[in-house]
Amino acid sequence: MWALVPPLAIQVAGASFFTFRTLADLFAWSSVRIPWEYFEIMEVLASLGMVFGVLATVMLLIPNLRRINGVEERLEAASGQFQTHVEGLFSTWNLSESEREVGLLVVKGFSNAEIAIYRNTSESTTKSQVSSIFRKSGLSNRQQLVSFVVEDMLDGVRV
């Protein structure tokens, strides 16, 4: 991030020069008289500085954009692995298709009422499916289910 400071400082200096010059012309301010040759040199340097600043900023942003894209790709891959992991657990527990759907929604944090609305079923049906998931998995509540899924997923991660 600190690498962006010099190019941005050059851009600010160039923009300040052109802003001051425009305001001085607009309001007829008399500034320090300098020979026009020096003024032209300052104008060219300010222009080159702004171009350099833009190019340097772009060159510094490109690696960061690539890094962001890489992180997003890894996150998508991890999400897919999580889905595969949860489906594997549900297969081990011999959950029915509807229990798998309800189980995934429970892991995502939905309440029974929200799951019933989402699946267009009654809340009592959802409650019985959640109870069946707990019975088949050997777990007793939602917190244990979520903890088990996450802990099992992180089993190979070293701290």
C-alpha atoms as a PDB file:
ATOM      1  CA  MET A   1       0.000   0.000   0.000  1.00  0.00           C
ATOM      2  CA  TRP A   2       2.837   2.384   0.812  1.00  0.00           C
ATOM      3  CA  ALA A   3       4.130   1.891  -2.722  1.00  0.00           C
ATOM      4  CA  LEU A   4       1.145   3.935  -3.938  1.00  0.00           C
ATOM      5  CA  VAL A   5       2.191   7.032  -1.968  1.00  0.00           C
ATOM      6  CA  PRO A   6       4.888   8.414  -4.339  1.00  0.00           C
ATOM      7  CA  PRO A   7       2.779   8.087  -7.521  1.00  0.00           C
ATOM      8  CA  LEU A   8      -0.212   9.601  -5.761  1.00  0.00           C
ATOM      9  CA  ALA A   9       1.930  12.452  -4.400  1.00  0.00           C
ATOM     10  CA  ILE A  10       3.154  13.179  -7.929  1.00  0.00           C
ATOM     11  CA  GLN A  11      -0.439  13.177  -9.194  1.00  0.00           C
ATOM     12  CA  VAL A  12      -1.549  15.508  -6.401  1.00  0.00           C
ATOM     13  CA  ALA A  13       1.349  17.882  -7.120  1.00  0.00           C
ATOM     14  CA  GLY A  14       0.522  17.944 -10.839  1.00  0.00           C
ATOM     15  CA  ALA A  15      -3.189  18.409 -10.218  1.00  0.00           C
ATOM     16  CA  SER A  16      -2.458  21.187  -7.702  1.00  0.00           C
ATOM     17  CA  PHE A  17      -0.273  22.968 -10.242  1.00  0.00           C
ATOM     18  CA  PHE A  18      -2.972  22.862 -12.920  1.00  0.00           C
ATOM     19  CA  THR A  19      -5.723  23.791 -10.446  1.00  0.00           C
ATOM     20  CA  PHE A  20      -3.781  26.784  -9.152  1.00  0.00           C
ATOM     21  CA  ARG A  21      -2.974  27.879 -12.694  1.00  0.00           C
ATOM     22  CA  THR A  22      -6.634  27.638 -13.742  1.00  0.00           C
ATOM     23  CA  LEU A  23      -7.840  29.521 -10.657  1.00  0.00           C
ATOM     24  CA  ALA A  24      -5.179  32.197 -11.144  1.00  0.00           C
ATOM     25  CA  ASP A  25      -6.331  32.694 -14.751  1.00  0.00           C
ATOM     26  CA  LEU A  26     -10.000  32.639 -13.750  1.00  0.00           C
ATOM     27  CA  PHE A  27      -9.733  35.168 -10.919  1.00  0.00           C
ATOM     28  CA  ALA A  28      -6.886  37.176 -12.447  1.00  0.00           C
ATOM     29  CA  TRP A  29      -4.596  36.529  -9.522  1.00  0.00           C
ATOM     30  CA  SER A  30      -1.139  37.813 -10.028  1.00  0.00           C
ATOM     31  CA  SER A  31       1.305  35.181  -9.037  1.00  0.00           C
ATOM     32  CA  VAL A  32       5.038  35.313  -8.735  1.00  0.00           C
ATOM     33  CA  ARG A  33       6.408  36.274 -12.095  1.00  0.00           C
ATOM     34  CA  ILE A  34       8.622  33.603 -13.552  1.00  0.00           C
ATOM     35  CA  PRO A  35      10.004  33.481 -17.056  1.00  0.00           C
ATOM     36  CA  TRP A  36       7.691  31.689 -19.463  1.00  0.00           C
ATOM     37  CA  GLU A  37      10.403  29.121 -20.297  1.00  0.00           C
ATOM     38  CA  TYR A  38      10.463  27.950 -16.666  1.00  0.00           C
ATOM     39  CA  PHE A  39       6.691  28.020 -16.523  1.00  0.00           C
ATOM     40  CA  GLU A  40       6.516  25.785 -19.622  1.00  0.00           C
ATOM     41  CA  ILE A  41       9.069  23.410 -18.103  1.00  0.00           C
ATOM     42  CA  MET A  42       6.972  23.205 -14.903  1.00  0.00           C
ATOM     43  CA  GLU A  43       3.861  22.550 -16.994  1.00  0.00           C
ATOM     44  CA  VAL A  44       5.560  19.739 -18.944  1.00  0.00           C
ATOM     45  CA  LEU A  45       6.962  18.212 -15.741  1.00  0.00           C
ATOM     46  CA  ALA A  46       3.541  18.375 -14.059  1.00  0.00           C
ATOM     47  CA  SER A  47       1.959  16.681 -17.084  1.00  0.00           C
ATOM     48  CA  LEU A  48       4.634  13.984 -17.183  1.00  0.00           C
ATOM     49  CA  GLY A  49       4.294  13.530 -13.431  1.00  0.00           C
ATOM     50  CA  MET A  50       0.560  12.984 -13.730  1.00  0.00           C
ATOM     51  CA  VAL A  51       1.041  10.475 -16.562  1.00  0.00           C
ATOM     52  CA  PHE A  52       3.766   8.719 -14.560  1.00  0.00           C
ATOM     53  CA  GLY A  53       1.508   8.658 -11.505  1.00  0.00           C
ATOM     54  CA  VAL A  54      -1.354   7.080 -13.427  1.00  0.00           C
ATOM     55  CA  LEU A  55       0.940   4.461 -14.993  1.00  0.00           C
ATOM     56  CA  ALA A  56       2.568   3.641 -11.659  1.00  0.00           C
ATOM     57  CA  THR A  57      -0.829   3.347  -9.979  1.00  0.00           C
ATOM     58  CA  VAL A  58      -2.053   0.963 -12.675  1.00  0.00           C
ATOM     59  CA  MET A  59       1.135  -1.099 -12.435  1.00  0.00           C
ATOM     60  CA  LEU A  60       0.733  -1.361  -8.668  1.00  0.00           C
ATOM     61  CA  LEU A  61      -2.973  -2.192  -8.848  1.00  0.00           C
ATOM     62  CA  ILE A  62      -2.663  -5.025 -11.384  1.00  0.00           C
ATOM     63  CA  PRO A  63      -0.894  -7.456  -8.975  1.00  0.00           C
ATOM     64  CA  ASN A  64      -3.448  -6.641  -6.273  1.00  0.00           C
ATOM     65  CA  LEU A  65      -6.341  -7.318  -8.639  1.00  0.00           C
ATOM     66  CA  ARG A  66      -4.732 -10.647  -9.576  1.00  0.00           C
ATOM     67  CA  ARG A  67      -4.349 -11.497  -5.887  1.00  0.00           C
ATOM     68  CA  ILE A  68      -7.995 -10.628  -5.229  1.00  0.00           C
ATOM     69  CA  ASN A  69      -9.088 -12.852  -8.121  1.00  0.00           C
ATOM     70  CA  GLY A  70      -6.962 -15.692  -6.736  1.00  0.00           C
ATOM     71  CA  VAL A  71      -8.495 -15.317  -3.286  1.00  0.00           C
ATOM     72  CA  GLU A  72     -11.999 -15.339  -4.793  1.00  0.00           C
ATOM     73  CA  GLU A  73     -11.190 -18.511  -6.758  1.00  0.00           C
ATOM     74  CA  ARG A  74      -9.855 -20.241  -3.633  1.00  0.00           C
ATOM     75  CA  LEU A  75     -12.933 -19.163  -1.688  1.00  0.00           C
ATOM     76  CA  GLU A  76     -15.211 -20.616  -4.365  1.00  0.00           C
ATOM     77  CA  ALA A  77     -13.209 -23.862  -4.299  1.00  0.00           C
ATOM     78  CA  ALA A  78     -13.442 -24.011  -0.503  1.00  0.00           C
ATOM     79  CA  SER A  79     -17.199 -23.441  -0.707  1.00  0.00           C
ATOM     80  CA  GLY A  80     -17.479 -26.349  -3.124  1.00  0.00           C
ATOM     81  CA  GLN A  81     -15.375 -28.534  -0.824  1.00  0.00           C
ATOM     82  CA  PHE A  82     -17.603 -27.604   2.100  1.00  0.00           C
ATOM     83  CA  GLN A  83     -20.685 -28.657   0.116  1.00  0.00           C
ATOM     84  CA  THR A  84     -19.015 -31.974  -0.795  1.00  0.00           C
ATOM     85  CA  HIS A  85     -17.969 -32.523   2.819  1.00  0.00           C
ATOM     86  CA  VAL A  86     -21.470 -31.896   4.179  1.00  0.00           C
ATOM     87  CA  GLU A  87     -23.010 -34.177   1.548  1.00  0.00           C
ATOM     88  CA  GLY A  88     -20.521 -36.896   2.543  1.00  0.00           C
ATOM     89  CA  LEU A  89     -21.532 -36.607   6.198  1.00  0.00           C
ATOM     90  CA  PHE A  90     -25.200 -36.756   5.271  1.00  0.00           C
ATOM     91  CA  SER A  91     -24.550 -39.910   3.216  1.00  0.00           C
ATOM     92  CA  THR A  92     -22.756 -41.489   6.171  1.00  0.00           C
ATOM     93  CA  TRP A  93     -25.795 -40.787   8.331  1.00  0.00           C
ATOM     94  CA  ASN A  94     -28.138 -42.221   5.639  1.00  0.00           C
ATOM     95  CA  LEU A  95     -30.261 -39.075   5.458  1.00  0.00           C
ATOM     96  CA  SER A  96     -33.107 -38.935   2.954  1.00  0.00           C
ATOM     97  CA  GLU A  97     -33.040 -36.311   0.201  1.00  0.00           C
ATOM     98  CA  SER A  98     -35.432 -34.021   2.094  1.00  0.00           C
ATOM     99  CA  GLU A  99     -33.457 -34.484   5.332  1.00  0.00           C
ATOM    100  CA  ARG A 100     -30.278 -33.528   3.465  1.00  0.00           C
ATOM    101  CA  GLU A 101     -31.900 -30.336   2.217  1.00  0.00           C
ATOM    102  CA  VAL A 102     -33.199 -29.487   5.689  1.00  0.00           C
ATOM    103  CA  GLY A 103     -29.840 -30.397   7.256  1.00  0.00           C
ATOM    104  CA  LEU A 104     -27.961 -28.066   4.932  1.00  0.00           C
ATOM    105  CA  LEU A 105     -30.365 -25.240   5.768  1.00  0.00           C
ATOM    106  CA  VAL A 106     -29.906 -25.955   9.494  1.00  0.00           C
ATOM    107  CA  VAL A 107     -26.122 -25.776   9.066  1.00  0.00           C
ATOM    108  CA  LYS A 108     -26.570 -22.461   7.236  1.00  0.00           C
ATOM    109  CA  GLY A 109     -28.422 -21.127  10.289  1.00  0.00           C
ATOM    110  CA  PHE A 110     -32.074 -21.102   9.211  1.00  0.00           C
ATOM    111  CA  SER A 111     -34.813 -21.617  11.812  1.00  0.00           C
ATOM    112  CA  ASN A 112     -37.500 -24.291  11.451  1.00  0.00           C
ATOM    113  CA  ALA A 113     -40.041 -21.649  10.439  1.00  0.00           C
ATOM    114  CA  GLU A 114     -37.707 -20.221   7.783  1.00  0.00           C
ATOM    115  CA  ILE A 115     -36.940 -23.698   6.440  1.00  0.00           C
ATOM    116  CA  ALA A 116     -40.655 -24.522   6.261  1.00  0.00           C
ATOM    117  CA  ILE A 117     -41.374 -21.340   4.306  1.00  0.00           C
ATOM    118  CA  TYR A 118     -38.394 -21.902   1.989  1.00  0.00           C
ATOM    119  CA  ARG A 119     -39.364 -25.521   1.289  1.00  0.00           C
ATOM    120  CA  ASN A 120     -43.106 -24.788   1.189  1.00  0.00           C
ATOM    121  CA  THR A 121     -43.874 -27.355   3.907  1.00  0.00           C
ATOM    122  CA  SER A 122     -45.373 -27.155   7.363  1.00  0.00           C
ATOM    123  CA  GLU A 123     -43.239 -26.291  10.356  1.00  0.00           C
ATOM    124  CA  SER A 124     -44.130 -29.599  12.026  1.00  0.00           C
ATOM    125  CA  THR A 125     -42.757 -31.485   8.993  1.00  0.00           C
ATOM    126  CA  THR A 126     -39.530 -29.517   9.272  1.00  0.00           C
ATOM    127  CA  LYS A 127     -39.332 -30.205  13.029  1.00  0.00           C
ATOM    128  CA  SER A 128     -39.739 -33.940  12.477  1.00  0.00           C
ATOM    129  CA  GLN A 129     -37.057 -33.913   9.757  1.00  0.00           C
ATOM    130  CA  VAL A 130     -34.668 -32.019  12.050  1.00  0.00           C
ATOM    131  CA  SER A 131     -35.368 -34.539  14.838  1.00  0.00           C
ATOM    132  CA  SER A 132     -34.684 -37.377  12.402  1.00  0.00           C
ATOM    133  CA  ILE A 133     -31.359 -35.771  11.446  1.00  0.00           C
ATOM    134  CA  PHE A 134     -30.373 -35.549  15.120  1.00  0.00           C
ATOM    135  CA  ARG A 135     -31.391 -39.169  15.741  1.00  0.00           C
ATOM    136  CA  LYS A 136     -29.494 -40.522  12.700  1.00  0.00           C
ATOM    137  CA  SER A 137     -26.382 -38.430  13.387  1.00  0.00           C
ATOM    138  CA  GLY A 138     -26.268 -39.100  17.119  1.00  0.00           C
ATOM    139  CA  LEU A 139     -26.277 -35.370  17.829  1.00  0.00           C
ATOM    140  CA  SER A 140     -28.791 -33.609  20.052  1.00  0.00           C
ATOM    141  CA  ASN A 141     -29.138 -30.009  18.815  1.00  0.00           C
ATOM    142  CA  ARG A 142     -28.355 -27.492  16.081  1.00  0.00           C
ATOM    143  CA  GLN A 143     -25.202 -26.218  17.765  1.00  0.00           C
ATOM    144  CA  GLN A 144     -23.769 -29.721  17.934  1.00  0.00           C
ATOM    145  CA  LEU A 145     -24.634 -30.307  14.270  1.00  0.00           C
ATOM    146  CA  VAL A 146     -22.909 -27.113  13.110  1.00  0.00           C
ATOM    147  CA  SER A 147     -19.932 -27.708  15.428  1.00  0.00           C
ATOM    148  CA  PHE A 148     -19.575 -31.292  14.216  1.00  0.00           C
ATOM    149  CA  VAL A 149     -19.649 -30.271  10.544  1.00  0.00           C
ATOM    150  CA  VAL A 150     -17.120 -27.461  11.023  1.00  0.00           C
ATOM    151  CA  GLU A 151     -14.859 -29.449  13.333  1.00  0.00           C
ATOM    152  CA  ASP A 152     -14.875 -32.452  11.009  1.00  0.00           C
ATOM    153  CA  MET A 153     -14.040 -30.155   8.084  1.00  0.00           C
ATOM    154  CA  LEU A 154     -11.123 -28.604   9.995  1.00  0.00           C
ATOM    155  CA  ASP A 155      -9.815 -31.937  11.272  1.00  0.00           C
ATOM    156  CA  GLY A 156      -6.730 -31.816   9.031  1.00  0.00           C
ATOM    157  CA  VAL A 157      -5.934 -28.157   9.674  1.00  0.00           C
ATOM    158  CA  ARG A 158      -2.897 -27.609  11.892  1.00  0.00           C
ATOM    159  CA  VAL A 159      -2.774 -24.639  14.240  1.00  0.00           C
END
